Amino acid sequence: PGGSLRLSCAASGFTLDYYAIGWFRQAPGKEREGVSCIIRS
């Protein structure tokens, strides 16, 4: 607790800048929830 992590999402087979990107998370027994998103630009 209190620490930091940096997650990366790397694309292959397509160009990421054509898409909005979202980060989601799912804990055991819970529904998937949106964490963050970013538009193409």
Full PDB file with SEQRES, HELIX, SHEET, SSBOND, CRYST1, ORIGX, SCALE, CONECT and MASTER records, all heavy atoms in Angstrom:
SEQRES   1 A   41  PRO GLY GLY SER LEU ARG LEU SER CYS ALA ALA SER GLY          
SEQRES   2 A   41  PHE THR LEU ASP TYR TYR ALA ILE GLY TRP PHE ARG GLN          
SEQRES   3 A   41  ALA PRO GLY LYS GLU ARG GLU GLY VAL SER CYS ILE ILE          
SEQRES   4 A   41  ARG SER                                                      
HELIX    1 AA1 LEU A   16  TYR A   18  5                                   3    
SHEET    1 AA1 2 ILE A  21  ARG A  25  0                                        
SHEET    2 AA1 2 GLU A  33  ILE A  38 -1                                        
CRYST1    1.000    1.000    1.000  90.00  90.00  90.00 P 1           1          
ORIGX1      1.000000  0.000000  0.000000        0.00000                         
ORIGX2      0.000000  1.000000  0.000000        0.00000                         
ORIGX3      0.000000  0.000000  1.000000        0.00000                         
SCALE1      1.000000  0.000000  0.000000        0.00000                         
SCALE2      0.000000  1.000000  0.000000        0.00000                         
SCALE3      0.000000  0.000000  1.000000        0.00000                         
ATOM      1  N   PRO A   1       0.822  -1.205   0.000  1.00  0.00           N  
ATOM      2  CA  PRO A   1       0.000   0.000   0.000  1.00  0.00           C  
ATOM      3  C   PRO A   1       0.856   1.255   0.000  1.00  0.00           C  
ATOM      4  O   PRO A   1       1.855   1.349   0.719  1.00  0.00           O  
ATOM      5  CB  PRO A   1      -0.811  -0.131   1.285  1.00  0.00           C  
ATOM      6  CG  PRO A   1      -0.893  -1.607   1.516  1.00  0.00           C  
ATOM      7  CD  PRO A   1       0.435  -2.150   1.057  1.00  0.00           C  
ATOM      8  N   GLY A   2       0.444   2.215  -0.807  1.00  0.00           N  
ATOM      9  CA  GLY A   2       1.206   3.437  -0.977  1.00  0.00           C  
ATOM     10  C   GLY A   2       2.223   3.387  -2.084  1.00  0.00           C  
ATOM     11  O   GLY A   2       2.788   4.432  -2.447  1.00  0.00           O  
ATOM     12  N   GLY A   3       2.455   2.215  -2.635  1.00  0.00           N  
ATOM     13  CA  GLY A   3       3.422   2.066  -3.704  1.00  0.00           C  
ATOM     14  C   GLY A   3       2.866   2.443  -5.058  1.00  0.00           C  
ATOM     15  O   GLY A   3       1.718   2.870  -5.192  1.00  0.00           O  
ATOM     16  N   SER A   4       3.692   2.258  -6.066  1.00  0.00           N  
ATOM     17  CA  SER A   4       3.353   2.651  -7.426  1.00  0.00           C  
ATOM     18  C   SER A   4       3.647   1.540  -8.411  1.00  0.00           C  
ATOM     19  O   SER A   4       4.557   0.727  -8.213  1.00  0.00           O  
ATOM     20  CB  SER A   4       4.156   3.888  -7.848  1.00  0.00           C  
ATOM     21  OG  SER A   4       3.854   5.009  -7.049  1.00  0.00           O  
ATOM     22  N   LEU A   5       2.876   1.522  -9.475  1.00  0.00           N  
ATOM     23  CA  LEU A   5       3.112   0.658 -10.615  1.00  0.00           C  
ATOM     24  C   LEU A   5       2.774   1.437 -11.877  1.00  0.00           C  
ATOM     25  O   LEU A   5       1.916   2.320 -11.862  1.00  0.00           O  
ATOM     26  CB  LEU A   5       2.255  -0.604 -10.572  1.00  0.00           C  
ATOM     27  CG  LEU A   5       2.609  -1.688  -9.565  1.00  0.00           C  
ATOM     28  CD1 LEU A   5       1.520  -2.755  -9.549  1.00  0.00           C  
ATOM     29  CD2 LEU A   5       3.955  -2.315  -9.888  1.00  0.00           C  
ATOM     30  N   ARG A   6       3.427   1.074 -12.948  1.00  0.00           N  
ATOM     31  CA  ARG A   6       3.125   1.640 -14.258  1.00  0.00           C  
ATOM     32  C   ARG A   6       2.745   0.509 -15.199  1.00  0.00           C  
ATOM     33  O   ARG A   6       3.571  -0.350 -15.517  1.00  0.00           O  
ATOM     34  CB  ARG A   6       4.320   2.400 -14.817  1.00  0.00           C  
ATOM     35  CG  ARG A   6       4.033   3.165 -16.116  1.00  0.00           C  
ATOM     36  CD  ARG A   6       5.332   3.555 -16.772  1.00  0.00           C  
ATOM     37  NE  ARG A   6       5.164   4.522 -17.840  1.00  0.00           N  
ATOM     38  CZ  ARG A   6       6.046   4.709 -18.824  1.00  0.00           C  
ATOM     39  NH1 ARG A   6       7.162   4.004 -18.857  1.00  0.00           N  
ATOM     40  NH2 ARG A   6       5.814   5.620 -19.755  1.00  0.00           N  
ATOM     41  N   LEU A   7       1.502   0.507 -15.622  1.00  0.00           N  
ATOM     42  CA  LEU A   7       1.029  -0.487 -16.557  1.00  0.00           C  
ATOM     43  C   LEU A   7       1.193   0.010 -17.983  1.00  0.00           C  
ATOM     44  O   LEU A   7       1.038   1.195 -18.262  1.00  0.00           O  
ATOM     45  CB  LEU A   7      -0.442  -0.813 -16.312  1.00  0.00           C  
ATOM     46  CG  LEU A   7      -0.833  -1.250 -14.899  1.00  0.00           C  
ATOM     47  CD1 LEU A   7      -2.315  -1.621 -14.869  1.00  0.00           C  
ATOM     48  CD2 LEU A   7       0.028  -2.408 -14.424  1.00  0.00           C  
ATOM     49  N   SER A   8       1.496  -0.916 -18.877  1.00  0.00           N  
ATOM     50  CA  SER A   8       1.618  -0.611 -20.290  1.00  0.00           C  
ATOM     51  C   SER A   8       0.636  -1.453 -21.078  1.00  0.00           C  
ATOM     52  O   SER A   8       0.349  -2.595 -20.718  1.00  0.00           O  
ATOM     53  CB  SER A   8       3.043  -0.889 -20.792  1.00  0.00           C  
ATOM     54  OG  SER A   8       3.987  -0.067 -20.150  1.00  0.00           O  
ATOM     55  N   CYS A   9       0.144  -0.888 -22.154  1.00  0.00           N  
ATOM     56  CA  CYS A   9      -0.747  -1.573 -23.080  1.00  0.00           C  
ATOM     57  C   CYS A   9      -0.171  -1.377 -24.464  1.00  0.00           C  
ATOM     58  O   CYS A   9      -0.218  -0.265 -25.003  1.00  0.00           O  
ATOM     59  CB  CYS A   9      -2.159  -1.002 -22.977  1.00  0.00           C  
ATOM     60  SG  CYS A   9      -3.332  -1.640 -24.191  1.00  0.00           S  
ATOM     61  N   ALA A  10       0.382  -2.425 -25.020  1.00  0.00           N  
ATOM     62  CA  ALA A  10       1.038  -2.360 -26.316  1.00  0.00           C  
ATOM     63  C   ALA A  10       0.185  -3.046 -27.371  1.00  0.00           C  
ATOM     64  O   ALA A  10      -0.334  -4.146 -27.145  1.00  0.00           O  
ATOM     65  CB  ALA A  10       2.412  -3.013 -26.249  1.00  0.00           C  
ATOM     66  N   ALA A  11       0.058  -2.408 -28.512  1.00  0.00           N  
ATOM     67  CA  ALA A  11      -0.753  -2.929 -29.605  1.00  0.00           C  
ATOM     68  C   ALA A  11       0.122  -3.557 -30.672  1.00  0.00           C  
ATOM     69  O   ALA A  11       1.223  -3.083 -30.949  1.00  0.00           O  
ATOM     70  CB  ALA A  11      -1.595  -1.824 -30.225  1.00  0.00           C  
ATOM     71  N   SER A  12      -0.385  -4.611 -31.263  1.00  0.00           N  
ATOM     72  CA  SER A  12       0.228  -5.196 -32.442  1.00  0.00           C  
ATOM     73  C   SER A  12      -0.868  -5.531 -33.441  1.00  0.00           C  
ATOM     74  O   SER A  12      -1.990  -5.851 -33.060  1.00  0.00           O  
ATOM     75  CB  SER A  12       1.045  -6.441 -32.101  1.00  0.00           C  
ATOM     76  OG  SER A  12       0.223  -7.463 -31.567  1.00  0.00           O  
ATOM     77  N   GLY A  13      -0.539  -5.440 -34.711  1.00  0.00           N  
ATOM     78  CA  GLY A  13      -1.507  -5.735 -35.746  1.00  0.00           C  
ATOM     79  C   GLY A  13      -2.413  -4.581 -36.123  1.00  0.00           C  
ATOM     80  O   GLY A  13      -3.194  -4.711 -37.072  1.00  0.00           O  
ATOM     81  N   PHE A  14      -2.337  -3.487 -35.394  1.00  0.00           N  
ATOM     82  CA  PHE A  14      -3.108  -2.300 -35.724  1.00  0.00           C  
ATOM     83  C   PHE A  14      -2.448  -1.100 -35.078  1.00  0.00           C  
ATOM     84  O   PHE A  14      -1.576  -1.248 -34.218  1.00  0.00           O  
ATOM     85  CB  PHE A  14      -4.575  -2.425 -35.313  1.00  0.00           C  
ATOM     86  CG  PHE A  14      -4.808  -2.510 -33.831  1.00  0.00           C  
ATOM     87  CD1 PHE A  14      -5.251  -1.408 -33.118  1.00  0.00           C  
ATOM     88  CD2 PHE A  14      -4.603  -3.695 -33.149  1.00  0.00           C  
ATOM     89  CE1 PHE A  14      -5.494  -1.486 -31.756  1.00  0.00           C  
ATOM     90  CE2 PHE A  14      -4.833  -3.792 -31.786  1.00  0.00           C  
ATOM     91  CZ  PHE A  14      -5.284  -2.686 -31.092  1.00  0.00           C  
ATOM     92  N   THR A  15      -2.889   0.065 -35.479  1.00  0.00           N  
ATOM     93  CA  THR A  15      -2.323   1.309 -34.972  1.00  0.00           C  
ATOM     94  C   THR A  15      -3.222   1.857 -33.876  1.00  0.00           C  
ATOM     95  O   THR A  15      -4.392   2.153 -34.110  1.00  0.00           O  
ATOM     96  CB  THR A  15      -2.172   2.337 -36.099  1.00  0.00           C  
ATOM     97  OG1 THR A  15      -1.313   1.799 -37.110  1.00  0.00           O  
ATOM     98  CG2 THR A  15      -1.572   3.633 -35.575  1.00  0.00           C  
ATOM     99  N   LEU A  16      -2.659   2.012 -32.697  1.00  0.00           N  
ATOM    100  CA  LEU A  16      -3.462   2.415 -31.550  1.00  0.00           C  
ATOM    101  C   LEU A  16      -4.047   3.805 -31.696  1.00  0.00           C  
ATOM    102  O   LEU A  16      -5.084   4.090 -31.096  1.00  0.00           O  
ATOM    103  CB  LEU A  16      -2.630   2.353 -30.266  1.00  0.00           C  
ATOM    104  CG  LEU A  16      -2.741   1.122 -29.377  1.00  0.00           C  
ATOM    105  CD1 LEU A  16      -2.074   1.400 -28.042  1.00  0.00           C  
ATOM    106  CD2 LEU A  16      -4.181   0.699 -29.181  1.00  0.00           C  
ATOM    107  N   ASP A  17      -3.400   4.667 -32.447  1.00  0.00           N  
ATOM    108  CA  ASP A  17      -3.898   6.036 -32.514  1.00  0.00           C  
ATOM    109  C   ASP A  17      -5.199   6.173 -33.284  1.00  0.00           C  
ATOM    110  O   ASP A  17      -5.752   7.272 -33.344  1.00  0.00           O  
ATOM    111  CB  ASP A  17      -2.831   7.010 -33.021  1.00  0.00           C  
ATOM    112  CG  ASP A  17      -2.368   6.737 -34.441  1.00  0.00           C  
ATOM    113  OD1 ASP A  17      -2.894   5.811 -35.094  1.00  0.00           O  
ATOM    114  OD2 ASP A  17      -1.468   7.458 -34.900  1.00  0.00           O  
ATOM    115  N   TYR A  18      -5.694   5.084 -33.852  1.00  0.00           N  
ATOM    116  CA  TYR A  18      -7.023   5.100 -34.454  1.00  0.00           C  
ATOM    117  C   TYR A  18      -8.130   4.897 -33.425  1.00  0.00           C  
ATOM    118  O   TYR A  18      -9.317   5.000 -33.773  1.00  0.00           O  
ATOM    119  CB  TYR A  18      -7.150   3.998 -35.505  1.00  0.00           C  
ATOM    120  CG  TYR A  18      -6.316   4.171 -36.748  1.00  0.00           C  
ATOM    121  CD1 TYR A  18      -6.116   3.094 -37.609  1.00  0.00           C  
ATOM    122  CD2 TYR A  18      -5.742   5.385 -37.080  1.00  0.00           C  
ATOM    123  CE1 TYR A  18      -5.356   3.225 -38.757  1.00  0.00           C  
ATOM    124  CE2 TYR A  18      -4.978   5.529 -38.226  1.00  0.00           C  
ATOM    125  CZ  TYR A  18      -4.792   4.442 -39.065  1.00  0.00           C  
ATOM    126  OH  TYR A  18      -4.039   4.577 -40.202  1.00  0.00           O  
ATOM    127  N   TYR A  19      -7.777   4.612 -32.192  1.00  0.00           N  
ATOM    128  CA  TYR A  19      -8.752   4.182 -31.202  1.00  0.00           C  
ATOM    129  C   TYR A  19      -8.649   4.957 -29.904  1.00  0.00           C  
ATOM    130  O   TYR A  19      -7.564   5.355 -29.475  1.00  0.00           O  
ATOM    131  CB  TYR A  19      -8.554   2.695 -30.877  1.00  0.00           C  
ATOM    132  CG  TYR A  19      -8.720   1.779 -32.056  1.00  0.00           C  
ATOM    133  CD1 TYR A  19      -7.630   1.429 -32.840  1.00  0.00           C  
ATOM    134  CD2 TYR A  19      -9.973   1.276 -32.392  1.00  0.00           C  
ATOM    135  CE1 TYR A  19      -7.780   0.592 -33.928  1.00  0.00           C  
ATOM    136  CE2 TYR A  19     -10.123   0.434 -33.480  1.00  0.00           C  
ATOM    137  CZ  TYR A  19      -9.025   0.102 -34.244  1.00  0.00           C  
ATOM    138  OH  TYR A  19      -9.174  -0.737 -35.324  1.00  0.00           O  
ATOM    139  N   ALA A  20      -9.799   5.129 -29.273  1.00  0.00           N  
ATOM    140  CA  ALA A  20      -9.792   5.438 -27.857  1.00  0.00           C  
ATOM    141  C   ALA A  20      -9.380   4.193 -27.084  1.00  0.00           C  
ATOM    142  O   ALA A  20      -9.648   3.064 -27.509  1.00  0.00           O  
ATOM    143  CB  ALA A  20     -11.179   5.901 -27.401  1.00  0.00           C  
ATOM    144  N   ILE A  21      -8.711   4.387 -25.954  1.00  0.00           N  
ATOM    145  CA  ILE A  21      -8.245   3.274 -25.133  1.00  0.00           C  
ATOM    146  C   ILE A  21      -8.824   3.412 -23.735  1.00  0.00           C  
ATOM    147  O   ILE A  21      -8.797   4.494 -23.145  1.00  0.00           O  
ATOM    148  CB  ILE A  21      -6.716   3.222 -25.053  1.00  0.00           C  
ATOM    149  CG1 ILE A  21      -6.106   3.083 -26.449  1.00  0.00           C  
ATOM    150  CG2 ILE A  21      -6.268   2.068 -24.152  1.00  0.00           C  
ATOM    151  CD1 ILE A  21      -6.481   1.791 -27.165  1.00  0.00           C  
ATOM    152  N   GLY A  22      -9.320   2.313 -23.231  1.00  0.00           N  
ATOM    153  CA  GLY A  22      -9.805   2.273 -21.863  1.00  0.00           C  
ATOM    154  C   GLY A  22      -9.031   1.274 -21.036  1.00  0.00           C  
ATOM    155  O   GLY A  22      -8.533   0.265 -21.554  1.00  0.00           O  
ATOM    156  N   TRP A  23      -8.901   1.580 -19.761  1.00  0.00           N  
ATOM    157  CA  TRP A  23      -8.402   0.636 -18.768  1.00  0.00           C  
ATOM    158  C   TRP A  23      -9.572   0.213 -17.884  1.00  0.00           C  
ATOM    159  O   TRP A  23     -10.328   1.064 -17.393  1.00  0.00           O  
ATOM    160  CB  TRP A  23      -7.303   1.244 -17.895  1.00  0.00           C  
ATOM    161  CG  TRP A  23      -5.962   1.345 -18.556  1.00  0.00           C  
ATOM    162  CD1 TRP A  23      -5.423   2.431 -19.160  1.00  0.00           C  
ATOM    163  CD2 TRP A  23      -4.983   0.310 -18.649  1.00  0.00           C  
ATOM    164  NE1 TRP A  23      -4.164   2.148 -19.628  1.00  0.00           N  
ATOM    165  CE2 TRP A  23      -3.867   0.847 -19.331  1.00  0.00           C  
ATOM    166  CE3 TRP A  23      -4.932  -1.022 -18.222  1.00  0.00           C  
ATOM    167  CZ2 TRP A  23      -2.715   0.096 -19.601  1.00  0.00           C  
ATOM    168  CZ3 TRP A  23      -3.792  -1.768 -18.488  1.00  0.00           C  
ATOM    169  CH2 TRP A  23      -2.707  -1.208 -19.167  1.00  0.00           C  
ATOM    170  N   PHE A  24      -9.685  -1.077 -17.686  1.00  0.00           N  
ATOM    171  CA  PHE A  24     -10.717  -1.664 -16.845  1.00  0.00           C  
ATOM    172  C   PHE A  24     -10.056  -2.586 -15.840  1.00  0.00           C  
ATOM    173  O   PHE A  24      -8.926  -3.025 -16.036  1.00  0.00           O  
ATOM    174  CB  PHE A  24     -11.726  -2.443 -17.691  1.00  0.00           C  
ATOM    175  CG  PHE A  24     -12.485  -1.604 -18.672  1.00  0.00           C  
ATOM    176  CD1 PHE A  24     -11.915  -1.222 -19.880  1.00  0.00           C  
ATOM    177  CD2 PHE A  24     -13.775  -1.185 -18.395  1.00  0.00           C  
ATOM    178  CE1 PHE A  24     -12.604  -0.443 -20.788  1.00  0.00           C  
ATOM    179  CE2 PHE A  24     -14.480  -0.398 -19.295  1.00  0.00           C  
ATOM    180  CZ  PHE A  24     -13.895  -0.033 -20.487  1.00  0.00           C  
ATOM    181  N   ARG A  25     -10.772  -2.897 -14.777  1.00  0.00           N  
ATOM    182  CA  ARG A  25     -10.249  -3.843 -13.799  1.00  0.00           C  
ATOM    183  C   ARG A  25     -11.370  -4.719 -13.275  1.00  0.00           C  
ATOM    184  O   ARG A  25     -12.535  -4.328 -13.255  1.00  0.00           O  
ATOM    185  CB  ARG A  25      -9.533  -3.129 -12.651  1.00  0.00           C  
ATOM    186  CG  ARG A  25     -10.434  -2.296 -11.756  1.00  0.00           C  
ATOM    187  CD  ARG A  25      -9.591  -1.518 -10.749  1.00  0.00           C  
ATOM    188  NE  ARG A  25     -10.412  -0.750  -9.829  1.00  0.00           N  
ATOM    189  CZ  ARG A  25      -9.941   0.133  -8.963  1.00  0.00           C  
ATOM    190  NH1 ARG A  25      -8.625   0.356  -8.891  1.00  0.00           N  
ATOM    191  NH2 ARG A  25     -10.764   0.792  -8.158  1.00  0.00           N  
ATOM    192  N   GLN A  26     -10.982  -5.899 -12.839  1.00  0.00           N  
ATOM    193  CA  GLN A  26     -11.945  -6.831 -12.283  1.00  0.00           C  
ATOM    194  C   GLN A  26     -11.309  -7.576 -11.116  1.00  0.00           C  
ATOM    195  O   GLN A  26     -10.294  -8.254 -11.282  1.00  0.00           O  
ATOM    196  CB  GLN A  26     -12.433  -7.822 -13.330  1.00  0.00           C  
ATOM    197  CG  GLN A  26     -13.587  -8.687 -12.859  1.00  0.00           C  
ATOM    198  CD  GLN A  26     -14.277  -9.402 -13.993  1.00  0.00           C  
ATOM    199  OE1 GLN A  26     -13.700  -9.618 -15.057  1.00  0.00           O  
ATOM    200  NE2 GLN A  26     -15.528  -9.767 -13.786  1.00  0.00           N  
ATOM    201  N   ALA A  27     -11.910  -7.428  -9.960  1.00  0.00           N  
ATOM    202  CA  ALA A  27     -11.491  -8.149  -8.776  1.00  0.00           C  
ATOM    203  C   ALA A  27     -12.310  -9.429  -8.655  1.00  0.00           C  
ATOM    204  O   ALA A  27     -13.423  -9.516  -9.180  1.00  0.00           O  
ATOM    205  CB  ALA A  27     -11.676  -7.282  -7.536  1.00  0.00           C  
ATOM    206  N   PRO A  28     -11.792 -10.436  -7.949  1.00  0.00           N  
ATOM    207  CA  PRO A  28     -12.542 -11.689  -7.804  1.00  0.00           C  
ATOM    208  C   PRO A  28     -13.931 -11.463  -7.223  1.00  0.00           C  
ATOM    209  O   PRO A  28     -14.088 -10.766  -6.217  1.00  0.00           O  
ATOM    210  CB  PRO A  28     -11.672 -12.509  -6.855  1.00  0.00           C  
ATOM    211  CG  PRO A  28     -10.289 -11.984  -7.074  1.00  0.00           C  
ATOM    212  CD  PRO A  28     -10.469 -10.512  -7.321  1.00  0.00           C  
ATOM    213  N   GLY A  29     -14.927 -12.035  -7.868  1.00  0.00           N  
ATOM    214  CA  GLY A  29     -16.289 -11.924  -7.400  1.00  0.00           C  
ATOM    215  C   GLY A  29     -16.967 -10.605  -7.668  1.00  0.00           C  
ATOM    216  O   GLY A  29     -18.105 -10.410  -7.223  1.00  0.00           O  
ATOM    217  N   LYS A  30     -16.301  -9.698  -8.372  1.00  0.00           N  
ATOM    218  CA  LYS A  30     -16.873  -8.393  -8.648  1.00  0.00           C  
ATOM    219  C   LYS A  30     -17.001  -8.162 -10.145  1.00  0.00           C  
ATOM    220  O   LYS A  30     -16.358  -8.835 -10.951  1.00  0.00           O  
ATOM    221  CB  LYS A  30     -16.015  -7.287  -8.026  1.00  0.00           C  
ATOM    222  CG  LYS A  30     -15.958  -7.327  -6.506  1.00  0.00           C  
ATOM    223  CD  LYS A  30     -15.191  -6.145  -5.952  1.00  0.00           C  
ATOM    224  CE  LYS A  30     -15.182  -6.154  -4.436  1.00  0.00           C  
ATOM    225  NZ  LYS A  30     -14.433  -4.995  -3.888  1.00  0.00           N  
ATOM    226  N   GLU A  31     -17.844  -7.215 -10.497  1.00  0.00           N  
ATOM    227  CA  GLU A  31     -18.026  -6.855 -11.892  1.00  0.00           C  
ATOM    228  C   GLU A  31     -16.846  -6.047 -12.403  1.00  0.00           C  
ATOM    229  O   GLU A  31     -16.172  -5.339 -11.648  1.00  0.00           O  
ATOM    230  CB  GLU A  31     -19.311  -6.051 -12.061  1.00  0.00           C  
ATOM    231  CG  GLU A  31     -20.580  -6.823 -11.734  1.00  0.00           C  
ATOM    232  CD  GLU A  31     -20.822  -7.956 -12.686  1.00  0.00           C  
ATOM    233  OE1 GLU A  31     -20.614  -7.778 -13.903  1.00  0.00           O  
ATOM    234  OE2 GLU A  31     -21.217  -9.046 -12.224  1.00  0.00           O  
ATOM    235  N   ARG A  32     -16.616  -6.148 -13.688  1.00  0.00           N  
ATOM    236  CA  ARG A  32     -15.588  -5.337 -14.317  1.00  0.00           C  
ATOM    237  C   ARG A  32     -16.002  -3.867 -14.274  1.00  0.00           C  
ATOM    238  O   ARG A  32     -17.155  -3.527 -14.553  1.00  0.00           O  
ATOM    239  CB  ARG A  32     -15.371  -5.791 -15.757  1.00  0.00           C  
ATOM    240  CG  ARG A  32     -14.212  -5.116 -16.457  1.00  0.00           C  
ATOM    241  CD  ARG A  32     -13.913  -5.782 -17.792  1.00  0.00           C  
ATOM    242  NE  ARG A  32     -13.520  -7.175 -17.605  1.00  0.00           N  
ATOM    243  CZ  ARG A  32     -13.024  -7.941 -18.577  1.00  0.00           C  
ATOM    244  NH1 ARG A  32     -12.857  -7.444 -19.799  1.00  0.00           N  
ATOM    245  NH2 ARG A  32     -12.706  -9.204 -18.320  1.00  0.00           N  
ATOM    246  N   GLU A  33     -15.056  -3.010 -13.923  1.00  0.00           N  
ATOM    247  CA  GLU A  33     -15.335  -1.596 -13.853  1.00  0.00           C  
ATOM    248  C   GLU A  33     -14.310  -0.805 -14.643  1.00  0.00           C  
ATOM    249  O   GLU A  33     -13.140  -1.174 -14.722  1.00  0.00           O  
ATOM    250  CB  GLU A  33     -15.377  -1.105 -12.404  1.00  0.00           C  
ATOM    251  CG  GLU A  33     -14.070  -1.195 -11.666  1.00  0.00           C  
ATOM    252  CD  GLU A  33     -14.144  -0.661 -10.246  1.00  0.00           C  
ATOM    253  OE1 GLU A  33     -15.166  -0.054  -9.873  1.00  0.00           O  
ATOM    254  OE2 GLU A  33     -13.168  -0.852  -9.490  1.00  0.00           O  
ATOM    255  N   GLY A  34     -14.769   0.295 -15.202  1.00  0.00           N  
ATOM    256  CA  GLY A  34     -13.877   1.177 -15.921  1.00  0.00           C  
ATOM    257  C   GLY A  34     -13.021   1.978 -14.971  1.00  0.00           C  
ATOM    258  O   GLY A  34     -13.503   2.494 -13.962  1.00  0.00           O  
ATOM    259  N   VAL A  35     -11.749   2.108 -15.284  1.00  0.00           N  
ATOM    260  CA  VAL A  35     -10.789   2.830 -14.464  1.00  0.00           C  
ATOM    261  C   VAL A  35     -10.423   4.168 -15.093  1.00  0.00           C  
ATOM    262  O   VAL A  35     -10.390   5.192 -14.420  1.00  0.00           O  
ATOM    263  CB  VAL A  35      -9.527   1.989 -14.243  1.00  0.00           C  
ATOM    264  CG1 VAL A  35      -8.481   2.773 -13.458  1.00  0.00           C  
ATOM    265  CG2 VAL A  35      -9.873   0.693 -13.523  1.00  0.00           C  
ATOM    266  N   SER A  36     -10.148   4.147 -16.382  1.00  0.00           N  
ATOM    267  CA  SER A  36      -9.729   5.354 -17.073  1.00  0.00           C  
ATOM    268  C   SER A  36      -9.866   5.146 -18.565  1.00  0.00           C  
ATOM    269  O   SER A  36      -9.930   4.014 -19.045  1.00  0.00           O  
ATOM    270  CB  SER A  36      -8.275   5.695 -16.717  1.00  0.00           C  
ATOM    271  OG  SER A  36      -7.882   6.939 -17.266  1.00  0.00           O  
ATOM    272  N   CYS A  37      -9.905   6.235 -19.298  1.00  0.00           N  
ATOM    273  CA  CYS A  37      -9.894   6.147 -20.751  1.00  0.00           C  
ATOM    274  C   CYS A  37      -9.260   7.397 -21.324  1.00  0.00           C  
ATOM    275  O   CYS A  37      -9.148   8.426 -20.651  1.00  0.00           O  
ATOM    276  CB  CYS A  37     -11.295   5.926 -21.342  1.00  0.00           C  
ATOM    277  SG  CYS A  37     -12.495   7.245 -21.038  1.00  0.00           S  
ATOM    278  N   ILE A  38      -8.854   7.291 -22.579  1.00  0.00           N  
ATOM    279  CA  ILE A  38      -8.184   8.391 -23.258  1.00  0.00           C  
ATOM    280  C   ILE A  38      -8.578   8.362 -24.730  1.00  0.00           C  
ATOM    281  O   ILE A  38      -8.655   7.297 -25.341  1.00  0.00           O  
ATOM    282  CB  ILE A  38      -6.652   8.301 -23.063  1.00  0.00           C  
ATOM    283  CG1 ILE A  38      -5.941   9.529 -23.609  1.00  0.00           C  
ATOM    284  CG2 ILE A  38      -6.092   7.014 -23.676  1.00  0.00           C  
ATOM    285  CD1 ILE A  38      -4.480   9.617 -23.155  1.00  0.00           C  
ATOM    286  N   ILE A  39      -8.840   9.542 -25.287  1.00  0.00           N  
ATOM    287  CA  ILE A  39      -9.244   9.598 -26.683  1.00  0.00           C  
ATOM    288  C   ILE A  39      -8.030   9.481 -27.595  1.00  0.00           C  
ATOM    289  O   ILE A  39      -6.887   9.462 -27.142  1.00  0.00           O  
ATOM    290  CB  ILE A  39     -10.055  10.871 -26.995  1.00  0.00           C  
ATOM    291  CG1 ILE A  39      -9.214  12.144 -26.820  1.00  0.00           C  
ATOM    292  CG2 ILE A  39     -11.310  10.932 -26.134  1.00  0.00           C  
ATOM    293  CD1 ILE A  39      -9.896  13.390 -27.363  1.00  0.00           C  
ATOM    294  N   ARG A  40      -8.293   9.404 -28.881  1.00  0.00           N  
ATOM    295  CA  ARG A  40      -7.221   9.144 -29.838  1.00  0.00           C  
ATOM    296  C   ARG A  40      -6.074  10.139 -29.764  1.00  0.00           C  
ATOM    297  O   ARG A  40      -4.905   9.760 -29.786  1.00  0.00           O  
ATOM    298  CB  ARG A  40      -7.780   9.128 -31.267  1.00  0.00           C  
ATOM    299  CG  ARG A  40      -8.673   7.933 -31.567  1.00  0.00           C  
ATOM    300  CD  ARG A  40      -9.392   8.125 -32.879  1.00  0.00           C  
ATOM    301  NE  ARG A  40     -10.364   9.209 -32.801  1.00  0.00           N  
ATOM    302  CZ  ARG A  40     -10.991   9.731 -33.840  1.00  0.00           C  
ATOM    303  NH1 ARG A  40     -10.754   9.273 -35.066  1.00  0.00           N  
ATOM    304  NH2 ARG A  40     -11.872  10.703 -33.664  1.00  0.00           N  
ATOM    305  N   SER A  41      -6.423  11.409 -29.649  1.00  0.00           N  
ATOM    306  CA  SER A  41      -5.400  12.448 -29.624  1.00  0.00           C  
ATOM    307  C   SER A  41      -4.713  12.578 -28.271  1.00  0.00           C  
ATOM    308  O   SER A  41      -3.682  13.243 -28.168  1.00  0.00           O  
ATOM    309  CB  SER A  41      -6.026  13.794 -29.985  1.00  0.00           C  
ATOM    310  OG  SER A  41      -6.901  14.226 -28.961  1.00  0.00           O  
TER     311      SER A  41                                                      
MASTER        0    0    0    1    2    0    0    6  310    1    0    4          
END                                                                             
